[in-house]
Amino acid sequence: QVQLVESGGGLVQAGGSLRLSCVTSGRSFSSSDMGWFRQAPGKEREFVAAIGWRGGQLLYADSVKGRFTISRDNAKNTVYLQMNSLKPEDTAVYYCAAEVNPVFPFLTPGSSRYDYWGQGTQVTVSS
């Protein structure tokens, strides 16, 4: 069983920055692709960013490209999402997800590939 716990959310003004963290339990982190998703009120969950288990593969949604950076520290079992130049439309609950021993050798924005999910952390960007 893998548990994921997100932190780092909060209230920030437009143009500001936040860094989200997601700590995972268990020994499978280093062999897991990791993703960040978000869900705004009344909207479906959407892909934000993903990072491959080796750290070399990165994938971003067009809406965050150039503003958000995903990274991982396998020694700390932690994946990060650095969010800069935040906009009110970035307001959402942010979730991290893990795909243990991924089947495909490449990242995709789909959510169904992920096996485990965190509980989410709220990010609110005021205008």
Protein backbone atom coordinates (compact mmCIF):
# COMPACT_ATOMS: atom_id res chain seq x y z
CA GLN A 1 0.00 0.00 0.00
CA VAL A 2 1.25 3.46 -0.90
CA GLN A 3 0.11 6.61 0.87
CA LEU A 4 0.56 10.09 -0.52
CA VAL A 5 0.30 13.27 1.56
CA GLU A 6 0.28 16.69 -0.08
CA SER A 7 1.21 19.95 1.61
CA GLY A 8 2.11 23.51 0.74
CA GLY A 9 -1.22 24.84 -0.45
CA GLY A 10 -2.62 28.14 0.72
CA LEU A 11 -3.87 31.56 -0.25
CA VAL A 12 -1.68 33.71 -2.48
CA GLN A 13 -2.14 36.82 -4.58
CA ALA A 14 -2.02 36.69 -8.34
CA GLY A 15 1.57 36.72 -9.53
CA GLY A 16 2.78 34.97 -6.42
CA SER A 17 4.36 31.57 -5.91
CA LEU A 18 3.77 28.39 -3.96
CA ARG A 19 5.59 25.10 -3.73
CA LEU A 20 3.57 21.96 -3.21
CA SER A 21 5.10 18.82 -1.77
CA CYS A 22 3.87 15.25 -1.87
CA VAL A 23 5.49 12.71 0.44
CA THR A 24 4.92 9.06 -0.29
CA SER A 25 5.20 6.07 2.01
CA GLY A 26 6.56 2.70 1.04
CA ARG A 27 9.54 1.59 -1.00
CA SER A 28 8.04 2.01 -4.44
CA PHE A 29 8.56 5.74 -4.92
CA SER A 30 11.78 5.42 -6.91
CA SER A 31 10.05 3.13 -9.40
CA SER A 32 6.91 5.26 -9.75
CA ASP A 33 5.88 7.84 -12.27
CA MET A 34 4.37 10.77 -10.38
CA GLY A 35 1.75 13.25 -11.45
CA TRP A 36 -0.01 16.37 -10.24
CA PHE A 37 -3.65 17.01 -11.04
CA ARG A 38 -6.08 19.69 -9.96
CA GLN A 39 -9.82 20.12 -9.63
CA ALA A 40 -11.59 23.45 -9.48
CA PRO A 41 -15.14 23.79 -8.12
CA GLY A 42 -17.66 22.56 -10.65
CA LYS A 43 -14.99 21.27 -13.01
CA GLU A 44 -13.46 17.91 -13.76
CA ARG A 45 -10.08 16.91 -12.49
CA GLU A 46 -7.37 17.95 -14.94
CA PHE A 47 -3.77 17.05 -15.54
CA VAL A 48 -1.11 19.55 -14.46
CA ALA A 49 2.31 17.88 -14.68
CA ALA A 50 4.08 14.53 -14.50
CA ILE A 51 7.60 13.26 -13.95
CA GLY A 52 9.05 9.89 -14.82
CA TRP A 53 10.54 7.57 -12.23
CA ARG A 54 14.04 8.39 -13.40
CA GLY A 55 13.32 12.09 -13.28
CA GLY A 56 14.34 12.72 -16.86
CA GLN A 57 10.88 12.68 -18.42
CA LEU A 58 8.67 15.69 -17.81
CA LEU A 59 5.22 16.55 -19.09
CA TYR A 60 3.16 19.69 -18.52
CA ALA A 61 -0.31 20.90 -19.37
CA ASP A 62 -0.22 23.81 -21.80
CA SER A 63 -1.95 26.01 -19.23
CA VAL A 64 0.97 25.77 -16.78
CA LYS A 65 3.93 25.37 -19.11
CA GLY A 66 6.61 27.94 -18.33
CA ARG A 67 5.09 28.75 -14.93
CA PHE A 68 5.10 25.43 -13.05
CA THR A 69 8.01 23.05 -12.49
CA ILE A 70 7.72 19.46 -11.31
CA SER A 71 10.67 17.76 -9.64
CA ARG A 72 11.38 14.82 -7.38
CA ASP A 73 13.79 13.75 -4.67
CA ASN A 74 13.91 9.97 -4.53
CA ALA A 75 15.96 10.05 -1.33
CA LYS A 76 13.09 11.86 0.39
CA ASN A 77 10.24 10.02 -1.37
CA THR A 78 8.92 13.43 -2.35
CA VAL A 79 7.65 15.07 -5.50
CA TYR A 80 7.35 18.84 -5.75
CA LEU A 81 5.37 21.30 -7.81
CA GLN A 82 6.85 24.78 -7.92
CA MET A 83 4.15 27.19 -9.05
CA ASN A 84 5.14 30.70 -10.15
CA SER A 85 3.20 33.55 -11.70
CA LEU A 86 0.01 32.16 -10.26
CA LYS A 87 -3.30 33.22 -11.75
CA PRO A 88 -6.82 33.16 -10.27
CA GLU A 89 -7.67 30.36 -12.69
CA ASP A 90 -5.06 28.18 -10.96
CA THR A 91 -7.36 28.04 -7.93
CA ALA A 92 -8.17 24.38 -7.26
CA VAL A 93 -7.52 21.42 -5.04
CA TYR A 94 -4.22 19.92 -6.13
CA TYR A 95 -3.66 16.17 -5.97
CA CYS A 96 -0.56 14.10 -6.44
CA ALA A 97 -0.72 10.61 -7.86
CA ALA A 98 1.59 7.65 -8.25
CA GLU A 99 1.84 4.94 -10.88
CA VAL A 100 3.96 2.18 -9.43
CA ASN A 101 6.08 0.25 -11.94
CA PRO A 102 4.58 2.07 -14.93
CA VAL A 103 3.49 0.00 -17.88
CA PHE A 104 4.29 2.55 -20.57
CA PRO A 105 7.81 3.99 -21.01
CA PHE A 106 6.43 7.46 -21.68
CA LEU A 107 4.30 9.97 -19.77
CA THR A 108 0.72 10.78 -20.71
CA PRO A 109 -1.77 13.26 -19.23
CA GLY A 110 -4.40 10.65 -18.44
CA SER A 111 -5.43 10.02 -14.86
CA SER A 112 -6.48 6.39 -15.20
CA ARG A 113 -2.91 5.13 -15.26
CA TYR A 114 -2.30 6.20 -11.66
CA ASP A 115 -2.73 3.68 -8.87
CA TYR A 116 -2.64 5.88 -5.79
CA TRP A 117 -3.84 9.36 -4.97
CA GLY A 118 -3.38 11.82 -2.17
CA GLN A 119 -6.16 13.69 -0.38
CA GLY A 120 -5.35 17.02 -2.00
CA THR A 121 -4.26 20.46 -0.89
CA GLN A 122 -6.18 23.65 -1.57
CA VAL A 123 -4.58 26.43 -3.61
CA THR A 124 -6.42 29.73 -3.80
CA VAL A 125 -5.16 32.61 -5.92
CA SER A 126 -6.78 35.98 -5.32
CA SER A 127 -6.96 38.67 -7.99
